[in-house]
């Protein structure tokens, strides 16, 4: 899922790259730390799967469906400003396809290990999904449209949770990865189109 909030207006690409690397390794480390206190759940158990490659395929398909729903939600007139907000961030940072794939991979792996692998066993699917969205800053009493989109993302995060519960962490990772790739690419394309229009207007 996308992790931009208002504070990221100030981020450079280098800072965003650093945060992505921290998400991949730091979140994984935090997940390991949490599970080190548990006698019922182990870090190694997160990665157990009978058919990881099949699970990944299911995750890619499911994440694509969720992303299509997310794009449809952003087309709702009352929520268009939400998409425009994130689009402005892309206009400033100038992301490329390698950037998108890297950021999406780091988020898909690191966040799923922490939230679905380490936190969900203790808090459950829905509480973890709500916590996930709250920590990303998508729900705000001052911004109703973004909060509405945030509640949609709670269902997306819960879907990742069920993917982990019913299949494996690889399903959740793949779904999260492809969801972010599609959303990133959509916003990047719109940002590039807006930049081209502004150039033509000058």
N, C-alpha and C. Protein backbone atom coordinates (compact mmCIF):
# COMPACT_ATOMS: atom_id res chain seq x y z
N UNK A 1 0.78 -1.11 0.00
CA UNK A 1 0.00 0.00 0.00
C UNK A 1 0.83 1.19 0.00
N UNK A 2 0.36 2.63 -0.63
CA UNK A 2 1.15 3.85 -0.67
C UNK A 2 1.32 4.44 0.73
N UNK A 3 2.55 4.96 1.08
CA UNK A 3 2.83 5.43 2.43
C UNK A 3 3.07 6.93 2.52
N UNK A 4 2.56 7.71 1.58
CA UNK A 4 2.78 9.16 1.59
C UNK A 4 1.78 9.87 2.51
N UNK A 5 2.24 10.84 3.27
CA UNK A 5 1.40 11.73 4.06
C UNK A 5 1.85 13.15 3.78
N UNK A 6 1.21 14.12 4.42
CA UNK A 6 1.54 15.51 4.14
C UNK A 6 3.01 15.83 4.36
N UNK A 7 3.63 15.21 5.33
CA UNK A 7 5.02 15.54 5.62
C UNK A 7 5.94 15.19 4.46
N UNK A 8 5.49 14.31 3.59
CA UNK A 8 6.33 13.87 2.50
C UNK A 8 6.38 14.89 1.36
N UNK A 9 5.68 16.00 1.49
CA UNK A 9 5.89 17.10 0.57
C UNK A 9 7.34 17.56 0.65
N UNK A 10 7.96 17.36 1.81
CA UNK A 10 9.31 17.86 2.03
C UNK A 10 10.38 16.84 1.69
N UNK A 11 10.00 15.62 1.31
CA UNK A 11 10.96 14.57 1.06
C UNK A 11 11.61 14.70 -0.32
N UNK A 12 12.89 14.40 -0.37
CA UNK A 12 13.58 14.27 -1.64
C UNK A 12 13.57 12.80 -2.04
N UNK A 13 13.99 12.50 -3.26
CA UNK A 13 14.04 11.12 -3.69
C UNK A 13 15.02 10.31 -2.84
N UNK A 14 16.15 10.91 -2.47
CA UNK A 14 17.12 10.21 -1.63
C UNK A 14 16.54 9.86 -0.27
N UNK A 15 15.78 10.78 0.30
CA UNK A 15 15.16 10.51 1.59
C UNK A 15 14.10 9.42 1.48
N UNK A 16 13.35 9.44 0.38
CA UNK A 16 12.34 8.42 0.17
C UNK A 16 12.99 7.05 -0.03
N UNK A 17 14.12 7.03 -0.71
CA UNK A 17 14.86 5.79 -0.89
C UNK A 17 15.35 5.26 0.46
N UNK A 18 15.85 6.15 1.30
CA UNK A 18 16.30 5.73 2.64
C UNK A 18 15.14 5.17 3.45
N UNK A 19 13.99 5.82 3.41
CA UNK A 19 12.82 5.34 4.15
C UNK A 19 12.37 3.98 3.63
N UNK A 20 12.49 3.77 2.33
CA UNK A 20 12.10 2.48 1.76
C UNK A 20 13.03 1.37 2.24
N UNK A 21 14.33 1.67 2.27
CA UNK A 21 15.30 0.68 2.76
C UNK A 21 15.04 0.38 4.23
N UNK A 22 14.73 1.42 5.00
CA UNK A 22 14.41 1.20 6.41
C UNK A 22 13.15 0.36 6.56
N UNK A 23 12.16 0.60 5.70
CA UNK A 23 10.94 -0.19 5.74
C UNK A 23 11.25 -1.67 5.50
N UNK A 24 12.12 -1.93 4.53
CA UNK A 24 12.46 -3.32 4.20
C UNK A 24 13.19 -4.02 5.34
N UNK A 25 14.24 -3.39 5.85
CA UNK A 25 15.06 -4.05 6.85
C UNK A 25 14.66 -3.69 8.29
N UNK A 26 14.32 -2.41 8.51
CA UNK A 26 13.95 -1.98 9.85
C UNK A 26 12.65 -2.61 10.32
N UNK A 27 11.62 -2.59 9.46
CA UNK A 27 10.34 -3.19 9.83
C UNK A 27 10.48 -4.69 10.05
N UNK A 28 11.30 -5.33 9.22
CA UNK A 28 11.54 -6.76 9.41
C UNK A 28 12.19 -7.01 10.76
N UNK A 29 13.14 -6.15 11.12
CA UNK A 29 13.81 -6.28 12.41
C UNK A 29 12.87 -6.05 13.58
N UNK A 30 11.97 -5.06 13.44
CA UNK A 30 10.98 -4.80 14.49
C UNK A 30 10.05 -6.01 14.64
N UNK A 31 9.67 -6.61 13.52
CA UNK A 31 8.84 -7.80 13.56
C UNK A 31 9.54 -8.94 14.30
N UNK A 32 10.83 -9.11 14.03
CA UNK A 32 11.61 -10.14 14.72
C UNK A 32 11.66 -9.86 16.22
N UNK A 33 11.84 -8.58 16.57
CA UNK A 33 11.91 -8.19 17.97
C UNK A 33 10.60 -8.50 18.69
N UNK A 34 9.48 -8.15 18.05
CA UNK A 34 8.17 -8.41 18.66
C UNK A 34 7.96 -9.89 18.91
N UNK A 35 8.27 -10.71 17.92
CA UNK A 35 8.01 -12.14 18.03
C UNK A 35 9.00 -12.84 18.96
N UNK A 36 10.11 -12.19 19.27
CA UNK A 36 11.09 -12.80 20.18
C UNK A 36 10.53 -12.92 21.59
N UNK A 37 9.45 -12.18 21.89
CA UNK A 37 8.83 -12.24 23.21
C UNK A 37 7.68 -13.26 23.27
N UNK A 38 7.40 -13.90 22.15
CA UNK A 38 6.25 -14.81 22.08
C UNK A 38 6.70 -16.27 22.10
N UNK A 39 5.97 -17.08 22.86
CA UNK A 39 6.21 -18.52 22.86
C UNK A 39 5.29 -19.23 21.87
N UNK A 40 4.26 -18.51 21.40
CA UNK A 40 3.26 -19.12 20.51
C UNK A 40 3.57 -18.87 19.03
N UNK A 41 4.26 -17.79 18.74
CA UNK A 41 4.54 -17.42 17.34
C UNK A 41 6.03 -17.20 17.16
N UNK A 42 6.54 -17.64 16.04
CA UNK A 42 7.97 -17.47 15.76
C UNK A 42 8.16 -16.70 14.45
N UNK A 43 9.30 -16.05 14.35
CA UNK A 43 9.62 -15.28 13.14
C UNK A 43 9.73 -16.20 11.93
N UNK A 44 10.36 -17.35 12.11
CA UNK A 44 10.54 -18.29 11.00
C UNK A 44 9.21 -18.78 10.45
N UNK A 45 8.20 -18.89 11.34
CA UNK A 45 6.89 -19.41 10.92
C UNK A 45 6.19 -18.47 9.94
N UNK A 46 6.57 -17.19 9.96
CA UNK A 46 5.97 -16.23 9.02
C UNK A 46 6.16 -16.69 7.59
N UNK A 47 7.29 -17.29 7.31
CA UNK A 47 7.68 -17.59 5.93
C UNK A 47 7.35 -19.01 5.50
N UNK A 48 6.62 -19.74 6.33
CA UNK A 48 6.23 -21.10 5.96
C UNK A 48 5.12 -21.07 4.90
N UNK A 49 5.27 -21.89 3.88
CA UNK A 49 4.27 -21.95 2.81
C UNK A 49 4.44 -23.26 2.06
N UNK A 50 3.31 -23.86 1.68
CA UNK A 50 3.36 -25.11 0.92
C UNK A 50 3.73 -24.85 -0.53
N UNK A 51 3.16 -23.79 -1.11
CA UNK A 51 3.42 -23.49 -2.53
C UNK A 51 3.64 -21.98 -2.68
N UNK A 52 4.82 -21.48 -2.31
CA UNK A 52 5.05 -20.03 -2.33
C UNK A 52 4.87 -19.39 -3.71
N UNK A 53 5.27 -20.10 -4.77
CA UNK A 53 5.15 -19.51 -6.10
C UNK A 53 3.69 -19.37 -6.52
N UNK A 54 2.89 -20.37 -6.19
CA UNK A 54 1.46 -20.28 -6.47
C UNK A 54 0.84 -19.17 -5.64
N UNK A 55 1.26 -19.06 -4.39
CA UNK A 55 0.76 -18.00 -3.51
C UNK A 55 1.07 -16.63 -4.07
N UNK A 56 2.26 -16.47 -4.65
CA UNK A 56 2.65 -15.18 -5.24
C UNK A 56 1.74 -14.83 -6.40
N UNK A 57 1.42 -15.82 -7.23
CA UNK A 57 0.54 -15.57 -8.38
C UNK A 57 -0.83 -15.11 -7.89
N UNK A 58 -1.37 -15.80 -6.90
CA UNK A 58 -2.66 -15.39 -6.34
C UNK A 58 -2.58 -13.97 -5.78
N UNK A 59 -1.47 -13.66 -5.15
CA UNK A 59 -1.30 -12.32 -4.60
C UNK A 59 -1.25 -11.25 -5.68
N UNK A 60 -0.57 -11.53 -6.76
CA UNK A 60 -0.48 -10.56 -7.86
C UNK A 60 -1.84 -10.31 -8.49
N UNK A 61 -2.61 -11.38 -8.64
CA UNK A 61 -3.96 -11.24 -9.21
C UNK A 61 -4.86 -10.47 -8.25
N UNK A 62 -4.84 -10.88 -6.97
CA UNK A 62 -5.69 -10.22 -6.00
C UNK A 62 -5.32 -8.76 -5.79
N UNK A 63 -4.03 -8.48 -5.74
CA UNK A 63 -3.59 -7.10 -5.58
C UNK A 63 -3.97 -6.23 -6.76
N UNK A 64 -3.97 -6.81 -7.96
CA UNK A 64 -4.38 -6.06 -9.16
C UNK A 64 -5.86 -5.71 -9.09
N UNK A 65 -6.66 -6.64 -8.61
CA UNK A 65 -8.10 -6.38 -8.46
C UNK A 65 -8.33 -5.27 -7.44
N UNK A 66 -7.62 -5.34 -6.32
CA UNK A 66 -7.76 -4.31 -5.29
C UNK A 66 -7.32 -2.94 -5.82
N UNK A 67 -6.25 -2.92 -6.60
CA UNK A 67 -5.78 -1.66 -7.17
C UNK A 67 -6.80 -1.08 -8.15
N UNK A 68 -7.44 -1.95 -8.93
CA UNK A 68 -8.49 -1.48 -9.85
C UNK A 68 -9.63 -0.84 -9.06
N UNK A 69 -9.98 -1.45 -7.94
CA UNK A 69 -11.01 -0.85 -7.08
C UNK A 69 -10.54 0.47 -6.51
N UNK A 70 -9.27 0.53 -6.12
CA UNK A 70 -8.71 1.77 -5.58
C UNK A 70 -8.74 2.89 -6.60
N UNK A 71 -8.42 2.59 -7.84
CA UNK A 71 -8.47 3.60 -8.90
C UNK A 71 -9.90 4.06 -9.13
N UNK A 72 -10.84 3.12 -9.05
CA UNK A 72 -12.25 3.49 -9.22
C UNK A 72 -12.71 4.40 -8.09
N UNK A 73 -12.26 4.13 -6.87
CA UNK A 73 -12.62 4.97 -5.73
C UNK A 73 -12.09 6.39 -5.91
N UNK A 74 -10.87 6.51 -6.43
CA UNK A 74 -10.28 7.83 -6.62
C UNK A 74 -10.97 8.63 -7.72
N UNK A 75 -11.79 7.96 -8.54
CA UNK A 75 -12.53 8.67 -9.58
C UNK A 75 -13.82 9.28 -9.05
N UNK A 76 -14.21 8.92 -7.83
CA UNK A 76 -15.40 9.52 -7.22
C UNK A 76 -15.16 11.02 -7.08
N UNK A 77 -16.07 11.86 -7.58
CA UNK A 77 -15.84 13.31 -7.57
C UNK A 77 -15.39 13.87 -6.21
N UNK A 78 -16.00 13.38 -5.13
CA UNK A 78 -15.67 13.91 -3.81
C UNK A 78 -14.25 13.54 -3.37
N UNK A 79 -13.65 12.53 -4.03
CA UNK A 79 -12.33 12.05 -3.62
C UNK A 79 -11.23 12.42 -4.61
N UNK A 80 -11.56 13.16 -5.65
CA UNK A 80 -10.56 13.47 -6.66
C UNK A 80 -9.40 14.30 -6.10
N UNK A 81 -9.70 15.11 -5.08
CA UNK A 81 -8.64 15.93 -4.49
C UNK A 81 -7.60 15.07 -3.79
N UNK A 82 -8.00 13.89 -3.33
CA UNK A 82 -7.05 12.98 -2.69
C UNK A 82 -6.01 12.53 -3.71
N UNK A 83 -6.48 12.11 -4.89
CA UNK A 83 -5.56 11.72 -5.94
C UNK A 83 -4.68 12.87 -6.39
N UNK A 84 -5.25 14.06 -6.46
CA UNK A 84 -4.49 15.23 -6.88
C UNK A 84 -3.39 15.56 -5.88
N UNK A 85 -3.68 15.34 -4.59
CA UNK A 85 -2.68 15.60 -3.55
C UNK A 85 -1.44 14.73 -3.76
N UNK A 86 -1.66 13.43 -3.95
CA UNK A 86 -0.53 12.52 -4.14
C UNK A 86 0.13 12.74 -5.50
N UNK A 87 -0.66 13.15 -6.47
CA UNK A 87 -0.11 13.46 -7.79
C UNK A 87 0.90 14.60 -7.71
N UNK A 88 0.62 15.60 -6.89
CA UNK A 88 1.53 16.73 -6.73
C UNK A 88 2.86 16.29 -6.14
N UNK A 89 2.83 15.29 -5.25
CA UNK A 89 4.06 14.76 -4.69
C UNK A 89 4.91 14.14 -5.78
N UNK A 90 4.25 13.39 -6.68
CA UNK A 90 4.99 12.75 -7.76
C UNK A 90 5.58 13.78 -8.71
N UNK A 91 4.88 14.88 -8.93
CA UNK A 91 5.38 15.93 -9.82
C UNK A 91 6.68 16.49 -9.27
N UNK A 92 6.77 16.59 -7.96
CA UNK A 92 7.97 17.14 -7.33
C UNK A 92 9.13 16.15 -7.32
N UNK A 93 8.86 14.88 -7.02
CA UNK A 93 9.92 13.90 -6.83
C UNK A 93 10.46 13.32 -8.14
N UNK A 94 9.64 13.28 -9.18
CA UNK A 94 10.07 12.77 -10.49
C UNK A 94 10.53 11.30 -10.40
N UNK A 95 9.60 10.42 -10.07
CA UNK A 95 9.92 9.01 -9.96
C UNK A 95 10.03 8.35 -11.32
N UNK A 96 10.86 7.31 -11.39
CA UNK A 96 11.01 6.49 -12.59
C UNK A 96 10.46 5.10 -12.29
N UNK A 97 10.38 4.26 -13.32
CA UNK A 97 9.88 2.90 -13.12
C UNK A 97 10.75 2.10 -12.16
N UNK A 98 12.09 2.17 -12.25
CA UNK A 98 12.89 1.47 -11.24
C UNK A 98 12.60 1.95 -9.81
N UNK A 99 12.35 3.25 -9.65
CA UNK A 99 12.00 3.78 -8.33
C UNK A 99 10.70 3.14 -7.84
N UNK A 100 9.70 3.11 -8.70
CA UNK A 100 8.40 2.57 -8.33
C UNK A 100 8.51 1.11 -7.92
N UNK A 101 9.23 0.33 -8.71
CA UNK A 101 9.38 -1.10 -8.40
C UNK A 101 10.13 -1.30 -7.09
N UNK A 102 11.16 -0.48 -6.85
CA UNK A 102 11.95 -0.60 -5.63
C UNK A 102 11.13 -0.22 -4.40
N UNK A 103 10.47 0.94 -4.45
CA UNK A 103 9.67 1.39 -3.31
C UNK A 103 8.54 0.41 -3.01
N UNK A 104 7.92 -0.09 -4.06
CA UNK A 104 6.80 -1.02 -3.87
C UNK A 104 7.28 -2.34 -3.28
N UNK A 105 8.45 -2.80 -3.71
CA UNK A 105 9.01 -4.03 -3.17
C UNK A 105 9.32 -3.87 -1.68
N UNK A 106 9.97 -2.77 -1.33
CA UNK A 106 10.34 -2.54 0.06
C UNK A 106 9.10 -2.48 0.96
N UNK A 107 8.07 -1.76 0.49
CA UNK A 107 6.84 -1.65 1.27
C UNK A 107 6.13 -2.99 1.36
N UNK A 108 6.03 -3.68 0.24
CA UNK A 108 5.32 -4.96 0.22
C UNK A 108 5.95 -5.99 1.12
N UNK A 109 7.26 -6.03 1.18
CA UNK A 109 7.95 -7.04 2.00
C UNK A 109 8.03 -6.59 3.46
N UNK A 110 8.60 -5.41 3.68
CA UNK A 110 8.82 -4.95 5.05
C UNK A 110 7.54 -4.75 5.84
N UNK A 111 6.56 -4.10 5.24
CA UNK A 111 5.32 -3.82 5.97
C UNK A 111 4.52 -5.08 6.22
N UNK A 112 4.54 -6.01 5.28
CA UNK A 112 3.78 -7.25 5.50
C UNK A 112 4.41 -8.11 6.58
N UNK A 113 5.74 -8.16 6.64
CA UNK A 113 6.39 -8.92 7.70
C UNK A 113 6.01 -8.35 9.06
N UNK A 114 6.06 -7.02 9.18
CA UNK A 114 5.76 -6.41 10.47
C UNK A 114 4.28 -6.51 10.81
N UNK A 115 3.41 -6.02 9.93
CA UNK A 115 2.00 -5.91 10.28
C UNK A 115 1.27 -7.26 10.21
N UNK A 116 1.40 -7.95 9.10
CA UNK A 116 0.68 -9.21 8.98
C UNK A 116 1.41 -10.34 9.72
N UNK A 117 2.74 -10.38 9.63
CA UNK A 117 3.46 -11.48 10.23
C UNK A 117 3.65 -11.38 11.73
N UNK A 118 3.93 -10.15 12.23
CA UNK A 118 4.27 -10.00 13.64
C UNK A 118 3.17 -9.39 14.49
N UNK A 119 2.39 -8.47 13.94
CA UNK A 119 1.37 -7.79 14.74
C UNK A 119 0.01 -8.49 14.65
N UNK A 120 -0.37 -8.93 13.46
CA UNK A 120 -1.69 -9.54 13.27
C UNK A 120 -1.95 -10.75 14.16
N UNK A 121 -0.97 -11.61 14.42
CA UNK A 121 -1.26 -12.76 15.30
C UNK A 121 -1.73 -12.35 16.70
N UNK A 122 -1.40 -11.14 17.12
CA UNK A 122 -1.79 -10.68 18.45
C UNK A 122 -3.04 -9.80 18.45
N UNK A 123 -3.20 -8.98 17.39
CA UNK A 123 -4.31 -8.03 17.35
C UNK A 123 -5.46 -8.46 16.45
N UNK A 124 -5.24 -9.43 15.59
CA UNK A 124 -6.28 -9.85 14.66
C UNK A 124 -6.22 -9.05 13.36
N UNK A 125 -6.98 -9.51 12.38
CA UNK A 125 -6.92 -8.93 11.04
C UNK A 125 -7.40 -7.50 11.00
N UNK A 126 -8.57 -7.22 11.57
CA UNK A 126 -9.19 -5.91 11.38
C UNK A 126 -8.54 -4.83 12.23
N UNK A 127 -8.16 -5.15 13.45
CA UNK A 127 -7.48 -4.16 14.28
C UNK A 127 -6.12 -3.83 13.66
N UNK A 128 -5.43 -4.83 13.16
CA UNK A 128 -4.14 -4.61 12.50
C UNK A 128 -4.31 -3.75 11.26
N UNK A 129 -5.36 -4.01 10.49
CA UNK A 129 -5.62 -3.23 9.28
C UNK A 129 -5.89 -1.77 9.62
N UNK A 130 -6.68 -1.54 10.67
CA UNK A 130 -6.98 -0.17 11.09
C UNK A 130 -5.71 0.52 11.59
N UNK A 131 -4.90 -0.19 12.38
CA UNK A 131 -3.65 0.37 12.87
C UNK A 131 -2.72 0.72 11.71
N UNK A 132 -2.67 -0.16 10.74
CA UNK A 132 -1.84 0.05 9.54
C UNK A 132 -2.20 1.35 8.85
N UNK A 133 -3.48 1.58 8.65
CA UNK A 133 -3.94 2.78 7.94
C UNK A 133 -3.75 4.03 8.80
N UNK A 134 -4.03 3.92 10.09
CA UNK A 134 -3.84 5.06 10.99
C UNK A 134 -2.39 5.51 11.02
N UNK A 135 -1.46 4.56 11.08
CA UNK A 135 -0.04 4.90 11.13
C UNK A 135 0.46 5.50 9.82
N UNK A 136 -0.24 5.24 8.74
CA UNK A 136 0.11 5.84 7.46
C UNK A 136 -0.49 7.23 7.29
N UNK A 137 -1.34 7.64 8.23
CA UNK A 137 -1.88 8.99 8.20
C UNK A 137 -3.02 9.20 7.23
N UNK A 138 -3.69 8.13 6.84
CA UNK A 138 -4.78 8.28 5.86
C UNK A 138 -6.09 8.72 6.48
N UNK A 139 -6.23 8.58 7.78
CA UNK A 139 -7.48 8.97 8.43
C UNK A 139 -7.22 10.21 9.27
N UNK A 140 -7.93 11.30 8.93
CA UNK A 140 -7.73 12.58 9.61
C UNK A 140 -9.07 13.26 9.82
N UNK A 141 -9.27 13.76 11.02
CA UNK A 141 -10.52 14.48 11.31
C UNK A 141 -10.60 15.78 10.54
N UNK A 142 -9.47 16.29 10.07
CA UNK A 142 -9.43 17.56 9.34
C UNK A 142 -9.61 17.39 7.84
N UNK A 143 -9.59 16.16 7.36
CA UNK A 143 -9.66 15.92 5.92
C UNK A 143 -10.61 14.75 5.65
N UNK A 144 -11.89 15.06 5.45
CA UNK A 144 -12.90 14.02 5.26
C UNK A 144 -12.66 13.17 4.01
N UNK A 145 -12.36 13.79 2.84
CA UNK A 145 -12.14 12.95 1.65
C UNK A 145 -11.01 11.94 1.84
N UNK A 146 -9.90 12.39 2.43
CA UNK A 146 -8.79 11.46 2.64
C UNK A 146 -9.17 10.39 3.64
N UNK A 147 -9.98 10.74 4.63
CA UNK A 147 -10.42 9.75 5.62
C UNK A 147 -11.33 8.70 4.98
N UNK A 148 -12.17 9.14 4.05
CA UNK A 148 -13.04 8.18 3.34
C UNK A 148 -12.17 7.19 2.56
N UNK A 149 -11.17 7.73 1.88
CA UNK A 149 -10.24 6.86 1.15
C UNK A 149 -9.49 5.96 2.14
N UNK A 150 -9.17 6.51 3.30
CA UNK A 150 -8.49 5.73 4.33
C UNK A 150 -9.31 4.54 4.78
N UNK A 151 -10.61 4.73 4.94
CA UNK A 151 -11.46 3.61 5.35
C UNK A 151 -11.52 2.54 4.26
N UNK A 152 -11.46 2.97 3.00
CA UNK A 152 -11.35 1.98 1.92
C UNK A 152 -10.06 1.18 2.07
N UNK A 153 -8.98 1.89 2.44
CA UNK A 153 -7.70 1.21 2.60
C UNK A 153 -7.69 0.24 3.77
N UNK A 154 -8.56 0.47 4.76
CA UNK A 154 -8.69 -0.50 5.85
C UNK A 154 -9.13 -1.85 5.28
N UNK A 155 -10.07 -1.82 4.34
CA UNK A 155 -10.53 -3.05 3.72
C UNK A 155 -9.43 -3.68 2.87
N UNK A 156 -8.63 -2.83 2.20
CA UNK A 156 -7.51 -3.35 1.42
C UNK A 156 -6.50 -4.03 2.34
N UNK A 157 -6.16 -3.37 3.45
CA UNK A 157 -5.21 -3.95 4.40
C UNK A 157 -5.76 -5.23 5.02
N UNK A 158 -7.07 -5.25 5.27
CA UNK A 158 -7.68 -6.48 5.80
C UNK A 158 -7.59 -7.60 4.77
N UNK A 159 -7.72 -7.26 3.50
CA UNK A 159 -7.58 -8.27 2.44
C UNK A 159 -6.18 -8.86 2.46
N UNK A 160 -5.17 -8.02 2.69
CA UNK A 160 -3.81 -8.53 2.84
C UNK A 160 -3.74 -9.49 4.04
N UNK A 161 -4.46 -9.11 5.10
CA UNK A 161 -4.48 -9.95 6.30
C UNK A 161 -5.08 -11.31 6.04
N UNK A 162 -6.20 -11.33 5.31
CA UNK A 162 -6.83 -12.61 4.99
C UNK A 162 -5.95 -13.43 4.04
N UNK A 163 -5.24 -12.73 3.13
CA UNK A 163 -4.32 -13.44 2.23
C UNK A 163 -3.24 -14.16 3.02
N UNK A 164 -2.73 -13.49 4.05
CA UNK A 164 -1.72 -14.12 4.91
C UNK A 164 -2.32 -15.27 5.71
N UNK A 165 -3.53 -15.05 6.21
CA UNK A 165 -4.19 -16.06 7.06
C UNK A 165 -4.55 -17.30 6.28
N UNK A 166 -5.08 -17.11 5.07
CA UNK A 166 -5.58 -18.23 4.30
C UNK A 166 -4.53 -18.89 3.42
N UNK A 167 -3.51 -18.12 3.03
CA UNK A 167 -2.50 -18.67 2.13
C UNK A 167 -1.12 -18.55 2.77
N UNK A 168 -0.42 -17.44 2.53
CA UNK A 168 0.90 -17.27 3.14
C UNK A 168 1.32 -15.81 3.07
N UNK A 169 2.43 -15.51 3.70
CA UNK A 169 2.96 -14.15 3.68
C UNK A 169 3.32 -13.74 2.26
N UNK A 170 3.66 -14.70 1.42
CA UNK A 170 4.04 -14.39 0.04
C UNK A 170 2.84 -13.86 -0.76
N UNK A 171 1.66 -14.34 -0.44
CA UNK A 171 0.45 -13.84 -1.08
C UNK A 171 0.22 -12.39 -0.69
N UNK A 172 0.35 -12.11 0.61
CA UNK A 172 0.16 -10.74 1.09
C UNK A 172 1.21 -9.80 0.53
N UNK A 173 2.46 -10.24 0.50
CA UNK A 173 3.54 -9.42 -0.04
C UNK A 173 3.30 -9.10 -1.52
N UNK A 174 2.94 -10.11 -2.29
CA UNK A 174 2.74 -9.91 -3.73
C UNK A 174 1.56 -8.99 -3.98
N UNK A 175 0.48 -9.16 -3.21
CA UNK A 175 -0.70 -8.30 -3.37
C UNK A 175 -0.36 -6.86 -3.03
N UNK A 176 0.35 -6.67 -1.94
CA UNK A 176 0.76 -5.32 -1.52
C UNK A 176 1.68 -4.69 -2.56
N UNK A 177 2.63 -5.47 -3.05
CA UNK A 177 3.58 -4.98 -4.05
C UNK A 177 2.88 -4.50 -5.31
N UNK A 178 2.04 -5.35 -5.88
CA UNK A 178 1.41 -4.99 -7.15
C UNK A 178 0.40 -3.86 -6.96
N UNK A 179 -0.26 -3.82 -5.79
CA UNK A 179 -1.17 -2.71 -5.50
C UNK A 179 -0.41 -1.39 -5.56
N UNK A 180 0.74 -1.34 -4.88
CA UNK A 180 1.52 -0.11 -4.87
C UNK A 180 2.06 0.23 -6.25
N UNK A 181 2.51 -0.77 -6.99
CA UNK A 181 3.03 -0.52 -8.35
C UNK A 181 1.97 0.13 -9.22
N UNK A 182 0.77 -0.41 -9.18
CA UNK A 182 -0.31 0.12 -10.02
C UNK A 182 -0.70 1.53 -9.59
N UNK A 183 -0.82 1.75 -8.29
CA UNK A 183 -1.20 3.08 -7.81
C UNK A 183 -0.09 4.10 -8.08
N UNK A 184 1.15 3.69 -7.83
CA UNK A 184 2.28 4.57 -8.13
C UNK A 184 2.30 4.96 -9.61
N UNK A 185 2.16 3.97 -10.49
CA UNK A 185 2.25 4.22 -11.92
C UNK A 185 1.11 5.11 -12.40
N UNK A 186 -0.07 4.92 -11.83
CA UNK A 186 -1.21 5.77 -12.19
C UNK A 186 -0.94 7.22 -11.81
N UNK A 187 -0.46 7.43 -10.61
CA UNK A 187 -0.19 8.79 -10.15
C UNK A 187 0.99 9.40 -10.90
N UNK A 188 2.00 8.59 -11.22
CA UNK A 188 3.14 9.08 -11.97
C UNK A 188 2.71 9.50 -13.38
N UNK A 189 1.87 8.71 -14.00
CA UNK A 189 1.40 9.05 -15.34
C UNK A 189 0.62 10.35 -15.33
N UNK A 190 -0.27 10.52 -14.35
CA UNK A 190 -1.03 11.75 -14.25
C UNK A 190 -0.14 12.95 -13.97
N UNK A 191 0.88 12.73 -13.12
CA UNK A 191 1.81 13.80 -12.81
C UNK A 191 2.59 14.22 -14.06
N UNK A 192 3.01 13.25 -14.85
CA UNK A 192 3.74 13.57 -16.08
C UNK A 192 2.85 14.30 -17.08
N UNK A 193 1.60 13.87 -17.17
CA UNK A 193 0.66 14.55 -18.07
C UNK A 193 0.43 15.99 -17.64
N UNK A 194 0.31 16.19 -16.34
CA UNK A 194 0.12 17.55 -15.81
C UNK A 194 1.35 18.40 -16.07
N UNK A 195 2.54 17.81 -15.92
CA UNK A 195 3.76 18.56 -16.18
C UNK A 195 3.87 18.95 -17.65
N UNK A 196 3.46 18.03 -18.55
CA UNK A 196 3.49 18.33 -19.98
C UNK A 196 2.52 19.45 -20.33
N UNK A 197 1.35 19.41 -19.72
CA UNK A 197 0.36 20.47 -19.96
C UNK A 197 0.86 21.82 -19.48
N UNK A 198 1.53 21.81 -18.32
CA UNK A 198 2.06 23.07 -17.79
C UNK A 198 3.17 23.62 -18.69
N UNK A 199 3.96 22.70 -19.28
CA UNK A 199 5.03 23.13 -20.17
C UNK A 199 4.48 23.73 -21.45
N UNK A 200 3.41 23.12 -21.96
CA UNK A 200 2.79 23.63 -23.18
C UNK A 200 2.12 24.99 -22.94
N UNK A 201 1.65 25.19 -21.71
CA UNK A 201 0.97 26.44 -21.41
C UNK A 201 1.90 27.60 -21.18
N UNK A 202 3.19 27.33 -21.01
CA UNK A 202 4.16 28.41 -20.75
C UNK A 202 4.61 29.08 -22.04
